[in-house]
């Protein structure tokens, strides 16, 4: 895992208490590598919205738990 992904995962764990997310490594899939190769880390919600790095705790919290975009 790259250092940016490790940083993003630390933020996720702080918000989600190490549950409620699936971690994927783009190195395991050519499709994911082609789609996300230069955008990682990316957090994707169940509704399909994506948040690309860089983000901090506040931005991630608002993205995951905040109000839906209108």
N, C-alpha and C. Protein backbone atom coordinates (compact mmCIF):
# COMPACT_ATOMS: atom_id res chain seq x y z
N UNK A 1 0.85 -1.17 0.00
CA UNK A 1 0.00 0.00 0.00
C UNK A 1 0.90 1.24 0.00
N UNK A 2 0.52 2.24 -0.76
CA UNK A 2 1.33 3.46 -0.82
C UNK A 2 1.13 4.30 0.44
N UNK A 3 2.05 5.21 0.68
CA UNK A 3 1.97 6.02 1.90
C UNK A 3 0.75 6.93 1.91
N UNK A 4 0.30 7.40 0.76
CA UNK A 4 -0.91 8.23 0.73
C UNK A 4 -2.13 7.40 1.10
N UNK A 5 -2.18 6.16 0.63
CA UNK A 5 -3.29 5.28 0.99
C UNK A 5 -3.28 4.97 2.48
N UNK A 6 -2.10 4.79 3.04
CA UNK A 6 -1.99 4.57 4.49
C UNK A 6 -2.51 5.78 5.25
N UNK A 7 -2.18 6.98 4.79
CA UNK A 7 -2.67 8.20 5.44
C UNK A 7 -4.19 8.28 5.35
N UNK A 8 -4.73 7.98 4.18
CA UNK A 8 -6.19 8.03 3.99
C UNK A 8 -6.88 6.99 4.87
N UNK A 9 -6.29 5.79 4.97
CA UNK A 9 -6.89 4.76 5.80
C UNK A 9 -6.90 5.14 7.27
N UNK A 10 -5.86 5.81 7.74
CA UNK A 10 -5.85 6.29 9.14
C UNK A 10 -7.02 7.23 9.39
N UNK A 11 -7.29 8.11 8.44
CA UNK A 11 -8.43 9.02 8.58
C UNK A 11 -9.74 8.23 8.59
N UNK A 12 -9.87 7.27 7.69
CA UNK A 12 -11.09 6.45 7.64
C UNK A 12 -11.34 5.72 8.95
N UNK A 13 -10.29 5.13 9.49
CA UNK A 13 -10.42 4.38 10.75
C UNK A 13 -10.88 5.30 11.87
N UNK A 14 -10.39 6.52 11.89
CA UNK A 14 -10.80 7.48 12.92
C UNK A 14 -12.28 7.81 12.82
N UNK A 15 -12.81 7.83 11.62
CA UNK A 15 -14.22 8.18 11.43
C UNK A 15 -15.11 6.96 11.55
N UNK A 16 -14.69 5.85 10.96
CA UNK A 16 -15.56 4.67 10.87
C UNK A 16 -15.21 3.56 11.85
N UNK A 17 -14.24 3.78 12.71
CA UNK A 17 -13.83 2.79 13.70
C UNK A 17 -13.48 1.45 13.07
N UNK A 18 -12.76 1.49 11.96
CA UNK A 18 -12.24 0.29 11.28
C UNK A 18 -13.33 -0.65 10.77
N UNK A 19 -14.51 -0.14 10.56
CA UNK A 19 -15.57 -0.96 9.97
C UNK A 19 -16.34 -0.12 8.98
N UNK A 20 -17.05 -0.76 8.13
CA UNK A 20 -17.90 -0.02 7.21
C UNK A 20 -17.22 0.41 5.93
N UNK A 21 -16.05 -0.12 5.65
CA UNK A 21 -15.45 0.18 4.36
C UNK A 21 -14.71 -1.03 3.83
N UNK A 22 -14.56 -1.03 2.51
CA UNK A 22 -13.83 -2.10 1.82
C UNK A 22 -12.60 -1.47 1.20
N UNK A 23 -11.47 -2.08 1.47
CA UNK A 23 -10.20 -1.58 0.94
C UNK A 23 -9.83 -2.39 -0.29
N UNK A 24 -9.57 -1.69 -1.40
CA UNK A 24 -9.14 -2.34 -2.63
C UNK A 24 -7.78 -1.81 -3.03
N UNK A 25 -6.94 -2.69 -3.51
CA UNK A 25 -5.61 -2.31 -4.00
C UNK A 25 -5.67 -2.31 -5.52
N UNK A 26 -5.42 -1.15 -6.14
CA UNK A 26 -5.53 -1.07 -7.59
C UNK A 26 -4.50 -1.96 -8.30
N UNK A 27 -3.45 -2.36 -7.59
CA UNK A 27 -2.45 -3.25 -8.19
C UNK A 27 -3.01 -4.63 -8.47
N UNK A 28 -4.15 -4.97 -7.85
CA UNK A 28 -4.76 -6.28 -8.03
C UNK A 28 -5.72 -6.34 -9.22
N UNK A 29 -5.96 -5.21 -9.87
CA UNK A 29 -6.93 -5.18 -10.96
C UNK A 29 -6.50 -4.18 -12.03
N UNK A 30 -6.35 -4.65 -13.25
CA UNK A 30 -5.99 -3.74 -14.34
C UNK A 30 -7.06 -2.68 -14.54
N UNK A 31 -8.33 -3.07 -14.40
CA UNK A 31 -9.43 -2.11 -14.55
C UNK A 31 -9.31 -0.99 -13.51
N UNK A 32 -9.10 -1.36 -12.24
CA UNK A 32 -8.97 -0.34 -11.19
C UNK A 32 -7.72 0.50 -11.41
N UNK A 33 -6.64 -0.12 -11.83
CA UNK A 33 -5.41 0.62 -12.09
C UNK A 33 -5.63 1.65 -13.19
N UNK A 34 -6.29 1.24 -14.27
CA UNK A 34 -6.57 2.16 -15.38
C UNK A 34 -7.48 3.31 -14.95
N UNK A 35 -8.46 3.00 -14.10
CA UNK A 35 -9.43 4.01 -13.67
C UNK A 35 -8.86 4.97 -12.62
N UNK A 36 -8.09 4.43 -11.66
CA UNK A 36 -7.67 5.23 -10.52
C UNK A 36 -6.17 5.46 -10.40
N UNK A 37 -5.39 4.96 -11.32
CA UNK A 37 -3.93 4.95 -11.20
C UNK A 37 -3.29 6.24 -10.74
N UNK A 38 -3.75 7.37 -11.23
CA UNK A 38 -3.13 8.65 -10.86
C UNK A 38 -3.99 9.45 -9.91
N UNK A 39 -5.07 8.86 -9.42
CA UNK A 39 -6.01 9.58 -8.55
C UNK A 39 -6.01 9.06 -7.12
N UNK A 40 -5.24 8.03 -6.82
CA UNK A 40 -5.33 7.41 -5.50
C UNK A 40 -4.70 8.28 -4.43
N UNK A 41 -5.19 8.12 -3.22
CA UNK A 41 -6.33 7.30 -2.81
C UNK A 41 -7.66 7.95 -3.14
N UNK A 42 -8.65 7.11 -3.34
CA UNK A 42 -10.01 7.55 -3.63
C UNK A 42 -10.95 6.84 -2.66
N UNK A 43 -11.86 7.59 -2.08
CA UNK A 43 -12.90 7.02 -1.24
C UNK A 43 -14.19 7.11 -2.04
N UNK A 44 -14.88 5.98 -2.15
CA UNK A 44 -16.12 5.92 -2.93
C UNK A 44 -17.27 5.52 -2.03
N UNK A 45 -18.32 6.31 -2.08
CA UNK A 45 -19.52 6.01 -1.29
C UNK A 45 -20.41 5.02 -2.02
N UNK A 46 -21.36 4.43 -1.29
CA UNK A 46 -22.30 3.49 -1.89
C UNK A 46 -23.11 4.11 -3.02
N UNK A 47 -23.33 5.42 -2.95
CA UNK A 47 -24.11 6.08 -4.00
C UNK A 47 -23.27 6.43 -5.23
N UNK A 48 -21.98 6.04 -5.22
CA UNK A 48 -21.12 6.25 -6.38
C UNK A 48 -20.27 7.50 -6.33
N UNK A 49 -20.57 8.42 -5.43
CA UNK A 49 -19.75 9.63 -5.32
C UNK A 49 -18.36 9.27 -4.86
N UNK A 50 -17.36 9.99 -5.38
CA UNK A 50 -15.97 9.71 -5.06
C UNK A 50 -15.28 10.97 -4.51
N UNK A 51 -14.37 10.74 -3.59
CA UNK A 51 -13.54 11.79 -3.02
C UNK A 51 -12.10 11.41 -3.27
N UNK A 52 -11.39 12.26 -4.02
CA UNK A 52 -9.99 12.00 -4.34
C UNK A 52 -9.08 12.74 -3.37
N UNK A 53 -7.89 12.19 -3.18
CA UNK A 53 -6.85 12.81 -2.39
C UNK A 53 -6.43 14.10 -3.06
N UNK A 54 -6.11 15.16 -2.38
CA UNK A 54 -5.92 15.26 -0.94
C UNK A 54 -7.22 15.62 -0.22
N UNK A 55 -7.37 15.05 0.96
CA UNK A 55 -8.46 15.42 1.86
C UNK A 55 -7.96 15.28 3.29
N UNK A 56 -8.63 16.01 4.18
CA UNK A 56 -8.28 15.94 5.59
C UNK A 56 -9.46 15.34 6.35
N UNK A 57 -9.34 15.26 7.66
CA UNK A 57 -10.37 14.66 8.49
C UNK A 57 -11.73 15.34 8.30
N UNK A 58 -11.75 16.66 8.28
CA UNK A 58 -13.01 17.38 8.16
C UNK A 58 -13.67 17.12 6.80
N UNK A 59 -12.90 17.20 5.74
CA UNK A 59 -13.45 16.97 4.40
C UNK A 59 -13.98 15.54 4.28
N UNK A 60 -13.20 14.57 4.78
CA UNK A 60 -13.62 13.18 4.71
C UNK A 60 -14.88 12.95 5.55
N UNK A 61 -14.92 13.51 6.73
CA UNK A 61 -16.09 13.37 7.61
C UNK A 61 -17.33 13.93 6.92
N UNK A 62 -17.23 15.11 6.34
CA UNK A 62 -18.37 15.71 5.65
C UNK A 62 -18.78 14.86 4.45
N UNK A 63 -17.82 14.31 3.73
CA UNK A 63 -18.12 13.47 2.58
C UNK A 63 -18.85 12.19 3.00
N UNK A 64 -18.38 11.56 4.06
CA UNK A 64 -18.95 10.28 4.48
C UNK A 64 -20.22 10.42 5.31
N UNK A 65 -20.25 11.39 6.20
CA UNK A 65 -21.34 11.46 7.17
C UNK A 65 -22.18 12.73 7.10
N UNK A 66 -21.76 13.65 6.25
CA UNK A 66 -22.44 14.93 6.17
C UNK A 66 -23.72 14.86 5.36
N UNK A 67 -24.32 16.00 5.18
CA UNK A 67 -25.55 16.10 4.42
C UNK A 67 -25.26 15.78 2.96
N UNK A 68 -26.27 15.23 2.30
CA UNK A 68 -26.18 14.95 0.88
C UNK A 68 -26.13 16.25 0.10
N UNK A 69 -25.44 16.21 -1.04
CA UNK A 69 -25.45 17.38 -1.91
C UNK A 69 -26.85 17.61 -2.43
N UNK A 70 -27.19 18.85 -2.54
CA UNK A 70 -28.54 19.17 -3.01
C UNK A 70 -28.56 19.37 -4.49
